[in-house]
C-alpha cells in the first residue's frame, strides 16, 4: 500500500471539472485508489464520491493506493493533485 497526504490549495477545493480530470487520469489503474477527508472515504475513480467529500481549500486529504500498480497510481494521483488542486 502506498499513500500520501496533501493540503488542497485551490480556492474552490475539489469541484466538478478538476474532479473529472482526476477520475479520468486514474481510470486506467487496476489498484484501489481512495481519497479520505476526516471520517469520509471515497473511491478516487467515482466523481460523485469525490464530490461527496466536500473538500475545500485548506483541507488535508489522504490518498491511498493498494494493488498491482499502486506505485504508478499514487504517482499519477500526486502529480494531478499538485498541479490542479
C-alpha atoms as a PDB file:
ATOM      1  CA  UNK A   1       0.000   0.000   0.000  1.00  0.00           C
ATOM      2  CA  UNK A   2       1.203   3.490  -0.891  1.00  0.00           C
ATOM      3  CA  UNK A   3      -0.209   6.738   0.436  1.00  0.00           C
ATOM      4  CA  UNK A   4       0.426  10.443   0.789  1.00  0.00           C
ATOM      5  CA  UNK A   5      -1.241  13.446   2.381  1.00  0.00           C
ATOM      6  CA  UNK A   6      -1.984  16.637   0.521  1.00  0.00           C
ATOM      7  CA  UNK A   7      -3.446  20.003   1.558  1.00  0.00           C
ATOM      8  CA  UNK A   8      -5.775  21.460  -1.081  1.00  0.00           C
ATOM      9  CA  UNK A   9      -4.663  24.903  -2.286  1.00  0.00           C
ATOM     10  CA  UNK A  10      -7.290  25.537  -4.979  1.00  0.00           C
ATOM     11  CA  UNK A  11      -9.702  28.250  -3.753  1.00  0.00           C
ATOM     12  CA  UNK A  12     -12.648  26.153  -4.999  1.00  0.00           C
ATOM     13  CA  UNK A  13     -11.438  22.889  -3.453  1.00  0.00           C
ATOM     14  CA  UNK A  14     -12.262  19.702  -5.326  1.00  0.00           C
ATOM     15  CA  UNK A  15     -15.073  20.741  -7.644  1.00  0.00           C
ATOM     16  CA  UNK A  16     -16.620  19.099 -10.697  1.00  0.00           C
ATOM     17  CA  UNK A  17     -14.217  19.882 -13.537  1.00  0.00           C
ATOM     18  CA  UNK A  18     -10.918  19.029 -11.813  1.00  0.00           C
ATOM     19  CA  UNK A  19     -12.556  16.063 -10.077  1.00  0.00           C
ATOM     20  CA  UNK A  20     -13.477  14.772 -13.528  1.00  0.00           C
ATOM     21  CA  UNK A  21      -9.884  15.180 -14.648  1.00  0.00           C
ATOM     22  CA  UNK A  22      -8.683  13.227 -11.610  1.00  0.00           C
ATOM     23  CA  UNK A  23     -11.168  10.429 -12.316  1.00  0.00           C
ATOM     24  CA  UNK A  24     -10.114  10.308 -15.979  1.00  0.00           C
ATOM     25  CA  UNK A  25      -6.414  10.187 -15.064  1.00  0.00           C
ATOM     26  CA  UNK A  26      -6.869   7.333 -12.576  1.00  0.00           C
ATOM     27  CA  UNK A  27      -9.352   5.187 -14.510  1.00  0.00           C
ATOM     28  CA  UNK A  28      -6.728   3.005 -16.182  1.00  0.00           C
ATOM     29  CA  UNK A  29      -5.162   1.723 -12.967  1.00  0.00           C
ATOM     30  CA  UNK A  30      -6.054  -1.655 -11.500  1.00  0.00           C
ATOM     31  CA  UNK A  31      -5.230  -0.702  -7.915  1.00  0.00           C
ATOM     32  CA  UNK A  32      -7.885   0.503  -5.497  1.00  0.00           C
ATOM     33  CA  UNK A  33      -7.382   4.267  -5.101  1.00  0.00           C
ATOM     34  CA  UNK A  34      -9.172   6.200  -2.376  1.00  0.00           C
ATOM     35  CA  UNK A  35      -9.298   9.754  -1.030  1.00  0.00           C
ATOM     36  CA  UNK A  36     -10.087  10.338   2.623  1.00  0.00           C
ATOM     37  CA  UNK A  37     -11.092  13.578   4.303  1.00  0.00           C
ATOM     38  CA  UNK A  38     -11.709  13.262   8.010  1.00  0.00           C
ATOM     39  CA  UNK A  39     -14.017  10.296   8.555  1.00  0.00           C
ATOM     40  CA  UNK A  40     -15.200  10.065   4.922  1.00  0.00           C
ATOM     41  CA  UNK A  41     -13.528   7.951   2.247  1.00  0.00           C
ATOM     42  CA  UNK A  42     -14.361   7.823  -1.466  1.00  0.00           C
ATOM     43  CA  UNK A  43     -13.176   5.816  -4.438  1.00  0.00           C
ATOM     44  CA  UNK A  44     -10.997   8.176  -6.482  1.00  0.00           C
ATOM     45  CA  UNK A  45     -12.486   6.999  -9.784  1.00  0.00           C
ATOM     46  CA  UNK A  46     -16.060   7.966  -8.901  1.00  0.00           C
ATOM     47  CA  UNK A  47     -16.812  11.648  -9.409  1.00  0.00           C
ATOM     48  CA  UNK A  48     -19.882  11.683  -7.160  1.00  0.00           C
ATOM     49  CA  UNK A  49     -17.888  10.031  -4.386  1.00  0.00           C
ATOM     50  CA  UNK A  50     -15.196  12.688  -4.663  1.00  0.00           C
ATOM     51  CA  UNK A  51     -17.771  15.469  -4.664  1.00  0.00           C
ATOM     52  CA  UNK A  52     -19.479  13.987  -1.584  1.00  0.00           C
ATOM     53  CA  UNK A  53     -16.301  14.517   0.443  1.00  0.00           C
ATOM     54  CA  UNK A  54     -16.853  18.280   0.302  1.00  0.00           C
ATOM     55  CA  UNK A  55     -13.136  19.060   0.095  1.00  0.00           C
ATOM     56  CA  UNK A  56     -12.424  22.789   0.446  1.00  0.00           C
ATOM     57  CA  UNK A  57      -9.281  24.914   0.254  1.00  0.00           C
ATOM     58  CA  UNK A  58      -7.029  24.172   3.234  1.00  0.00           C
ATOM     59  CA  UNK A  59      -8.426  20.676   3.826  1.00  0.00           C
ATOM     60  CA  UNK A  60      -5.950  17.832   4.156  1.00  0.00           C
ATOM     61  CA  UNK A  61      -6.738  14.643   2.280  1.00  0.00           C
ATOM     62  CA  UNK A  62      -5.160  11.207   2.420  1.00  0.00           C
ATOM     63  CA  UNK A  63      -4.664   9.468  -0.911  1.00  0.00           C
ATOM     64  CA  UNK A  64      -4.139   5.721  -0.752  1.00  0.00           C
ATOM     65  CA  UNK A  65      -3.472   3.152  -3.490  1.00  0.00           C
ATOM     66  CA  UNK A  66      -3.336  -0.581  -2.997  1.00  0.00           C
ATOM     67  CA  UNK A  67      -2.884  -3.159  -5.717  1.00  0.00           C
ATOM     68  CA  UNK A  68      -0.648  -4.372  -8.521  1.00  0.00           C
ATOM     69  CA  UNK A  69       0.165  -0.913  -9.933  1.00  0.00           C
ATOM     70  CA  UNK A  70      -0.041   1.092  -6.702  1.00  0.00           C
ATOM     71  CA  UNK A  71       3.279   2.879  -7.198  1.00  0.00           C
ATOM     72  CA  UNK A  72       2.297   4.237 -10.613  1.00  0.00           C
ATOM     73  CA  UNK A  73      -1.226   5.035  -9.395  1.00  0.00           C
ATOM     74  CA  UNK A  74      -0.029   7.028  -6.401  1.00  0.00           C
ATOM     75  CA  UNK A  75       2.462   8.928  -8.554  1.00  0.00           C
ATOM     76  CA  UNK A  76      -0.270   9.820 -11.054  1.00  0.00           C
ATOM     77  CA  UNK A  77      -2.612  10.942  -8.273  1.00  0.00           C
ATOM     78  CA  UNK A  78       0.094  13.061  -6.671  1.00  0.00           C
ATOM     79  CA  UNK A  79       1.021  14.647  -9.983  1.00  0.00           C
ATOM     80  CA  UNK A  80      -2.520  15.732 -10.849  1.00  0.00           C
ATOM     81  CA  UNK A  81      -3.336  16.884  -7.317  1.00  0.00           C
ATOM     82  CA  UNK A  82      -0.210  19.037  -7.022  1.00  0.00           C
ATOM     83  CA  UNK A  83      -0.712  20.545 -10.469  1.00  0.00           C
ATOM     84  CA  UNK A  84      -4.504  21.165 -10.274  1.00  0.00           C
ATOM     85  CA  UNK A  85      -5.543  21.387  -6.629  1.00  0.00           C
END
